N, C-alpha and C. Protein backbone atom coordinates (compact mmCIF):
# COMPACT_ATOMS: atom_id res chain seq x y z
N UNK A 1 45.94 -29.22 -53.49
CA UNK A 1 46.87 -28.15 -52.48
C UNK A 1 46.80 -27.07 -53.61
N UNK A 2 46.48 -25.82 -53.17
CA UNK A 2 45.91 -24.71 -53.74
C UNK A 2 47.65 -24.20 -54.29
N UNK A 3 47.57 -23.67 -55.39
CA UNK A 3 48.38 -22.84 -55.94
C UNK A 3 48.75 -21.61 -55.51
N UNK A 4 50.04 -21.17 -55.35
CA UNK A 4 50.14 -19.67 -54.86
C UNK A 4 49.62 -18.63 -55.92
N UNK A 5 49.23 -17.47 -55.26
CA UNK A 5 48.77 -16.35 -56.35
C UNK A 5 50.03 -15.59 -56.73
N UNK A 6 50.04 -15.58 -58.06
CA UNK A 6 51.04 -14.90 -58.48
C UNK A 6 50.92 -13.45 -58.41
N UNK A 7 52.05 -12.63 -58.31
CA UNK A 7 51.98 -11.09 -58.07
C UNK A 7 51.31 -10.31 -59.35
N UNK A 8 50.50 -9.22 -58.82
CA UNK A 8 49.92 -8.56 -59.81
C UNK A 8 50.87 -7.69 -60.76
N UNK A 9 51.02 -7.78 -62.21
CA UNK A 9 52.01 -7.11 -62.94
C UNK A 9 51.80 -5.63 -62.81
N UNK A 10 52.99 -4.90 -62.89
CA UNK A 10 53.06 -3.37 -62.94
C UNK A 10 53.02 -2.76 -64.49
N UNK A 11 51.96 -1.85 -64.72
CA UNK A 11 51.89 -1.31 -65.96
C UNK A 11 52.82 -0.11 -65.98
N UNK A 12 53.51 0.18 -67.33
CA UNK A 12 54.26 1.11 -67.72
C UNK A 12 53.94 1.59 -68.86
N UNK A 13 54.30 2.85 -68.96
CA UNK A 13 54.29 3.51 -70.33
C UNK A 13 52.83 3.60 -70.93
N UNK A 14 52.61 3.44 -72.21
CA UNK A 14 51.48 3.74 -72.80
C UNK A 14 50.43 2.78 -72.01
N UNK A 15 50.48 1.70 -71.87
CA UNK A 15 49.65 0.78 -71.05
C UNK A 15 49.32 1.43 -69.72
N UNK A 16 49.79 2.04 -68.98
CA UNK A 16 49.53 2.87 -67.60
C UNK A 16 48.90 3.95 -68.12
N UNK A 17 49.35 4.71 -69.30
CA UNK A 17 48.24 5.89 -69.24
C UNK A 17 46.88 5.49 -69.61
N UNK A 18 46.86 4.41 -70.53
CA UNK A 18 45.47 3.99 -71.13
C UNK A 18 44.62 3.54 -69.77
N UNK A 19 45.07 2.77 -69.05
CA UNK A 19 44.49 2.10 -67.82
C UNK A 19 44.09 3.49 -67.09
N UNK A 20 45.11 4.47 -66.70
CA UNK A 20 44.58 5.64 -65.90
C UNK A 20 43.38 6.28 -66.41
N UNK A 21 43.32 6.44 -67.60
CA UNK A 21 42.17 7.23 -68.42
C UNK A 21 41.02 6.48 -68.25
N UNK A 22 41.05 5.28 -68.41
CA UNK A 22 39.97 4.26 -68.47
C UNK A 22 39.30 4.44 -66.94
N UNK A 23 40.03 4.42 -65.73
CA UNK A 23 39.64 4.55 -64.47
C UNK A 23 39.04 5.77 -64.19
N UNK A 24 39.29 6.87 -64.82
CA UNK A 24 38.74 8.16 -64.66
C UNK A 24 37.59 8.39 -65.03
N UNK A 25 37.24 7.44 -66.41
CA UNK A 25 35.89 7.55 -66.92
C UNK A 25 35.35 6.30 -66.77
N UNK A 26 34.44 6.01 -65.47
CA UNK A 26 33.78 4.78 -65.55
C UNK A 26 32.65 4.58 -66.70
N UNK A 27 32.48 3.33 -66.90
CA UNK A 27 31.23 3.29 -67.79
C UNK A 27 29.95 3.38 -67.22
N UNK A 28 28.95 4.17 -67.87
CA UNK A 28 27.76 4.59 -67.34
C UNK A 28 26.88 3.37 -67.57
N UNK A 29 26.03 2.89 -66.15
CA UNK A 29 25.16 2.00 -66.35
C UNK A 29 23.67 2.37 -66.13
N UNK A 30 22.80 2.02 -67.26
CA UNK A 30 21.52 2.49 -67.01
C UNK A 30 20.90 1.56 -65.95
N UNK A 31 19.66 2.43 -65.19
CA UNK A 31 19.14 1.96 -64.36
C UNK A 31 18.48 0.38 -64.53
N UNK A 32 17.97 0.37 -65.70
CA UNK A 32 17.43 -0.89 -66.17
C UNK A 32 18.62 -2.01 -66.20
N UNK A 33 19.67 -1.73 -66.46
CA UNK A 33 20.77 -2.36 -66.77
C UNK A 33 21.29 -2.94 -65.31
N UNK A 34 21.40 -2.25 -64.40
CA UNK A 34 21.75 -2.45 -62.93
C UNK A 34 20.62 -3.47 -62.10
N UNK A 35 19.30 -3.03 -62.42
CA UNK A 35 18.30 -3.95 -62.19
C UNK A 35 18.16 -5.24 -62.28
N UNK A 36 18.70 -5.26 -63.86
CA UNK A 36 18.80 -6.82 -64.31
C UNK A 36 19.97 -7.74 -63.92
N UNK A 37 21.11 -6.64 -63.58
CA UNK A 37 22.21 -7.48 -63.02
C UNK A 37 21.74 -7.94 -61.53
N UNK A 38 21.16 -6.96 -61.00
CA UNK A 38 20.51 -7.60 -59.69
C UNK A 38 19.84 -8.41 -59.42
N UNK A 39 18.72 -8.51 -60.37
CA UNK A 39 17.92 -9.81 -60.38
C UNK A 39 18.77 -11.15 -60.76
N UNK A 40 19.72 -11.07 -61.62
CA UNK A 40 20.24 -11.93 -62.02
C UNK A 40 21.25 -12.69 -60.66
N UNK A 41 21.85 -11.59 -60.13
CA UNK A 41 22.50 -12.01 -59.00
C UNK A 41 21.86 -12.78 -57.76
N UNK A 42 20.69 -12.11 -57.57
CA UNK A 42 19.89 -12.90 -56.65
C UNK A 42 19.07 -14.32 -56.89
N UNK A 43 19.18 -14.34 -58.28
CA UNK A 43 18.75 -15.79 -58.83
C UNK A 43 19.76 -16.97 -58.66
N UNK A 44 21.01 -16.30 -58.78
CA UNK A 44 22.27 -17.15 -58.54
C UNK A 44 22.42 -17.48 -56.93
N UNK A 45 22.07 -16.49 -56.12
CA UNK A 45 22.18 -16.83 -54.82
C UNK A 45 21.33 -17.93 -54.36
N UNK A 46 20.03 -17.65 -54.79
CA UNK A 46 18.89 -18.85 -54.52
C UNK A 46 19.27 -20.04 -55.23
N UNK A 47 19.66 -20.08 -56.31
CA UNK A 47 20.29 -21.30 -56.95
C UNK A 47 21.47 -22.10 -56.23
N UNK A 48 22.24 -21.11 -55.54
CA UNK A 48 23.36 -21.67 -54.60
C UNK A 48 22.77 -22.06 -53.35
N UNK A 49 21.77 -21.32 -52.90
CA UNK A 49 21.38 -21.67 -51.42
C UNK A 49 20.63 -23.28 -51.67
N UNK A 50 20.02 -23.51 -52.81
CA UNK A 50 18.96 -24.53 -53.05
C UNK A 50 19.82 -25.90 -53.42
N UNK A 51 21.19 -25.46 -54.06
CA UNK A 51 22.05 -26.63 -54.12
C UNK A 51 22.76 -27.36 -53.28
N UNK A 52 23.18 -26.70 -52.24
CA UNK A 52 23.72 -27.42 -51.00
C UNK A 52 22.87 -27.99 -50.11
């Protein structure tokens, strides 16, 4: 039987400020990195389809 999902913790104070700043400045991903991730994703999908 599955365990229940716990509630998401709420951030306060300095943790909340840091989190908000990081969300305002997303990481810049190069075109090459994006293509590499997409190729890997497609490989995983193929492997999962062949597995079942």
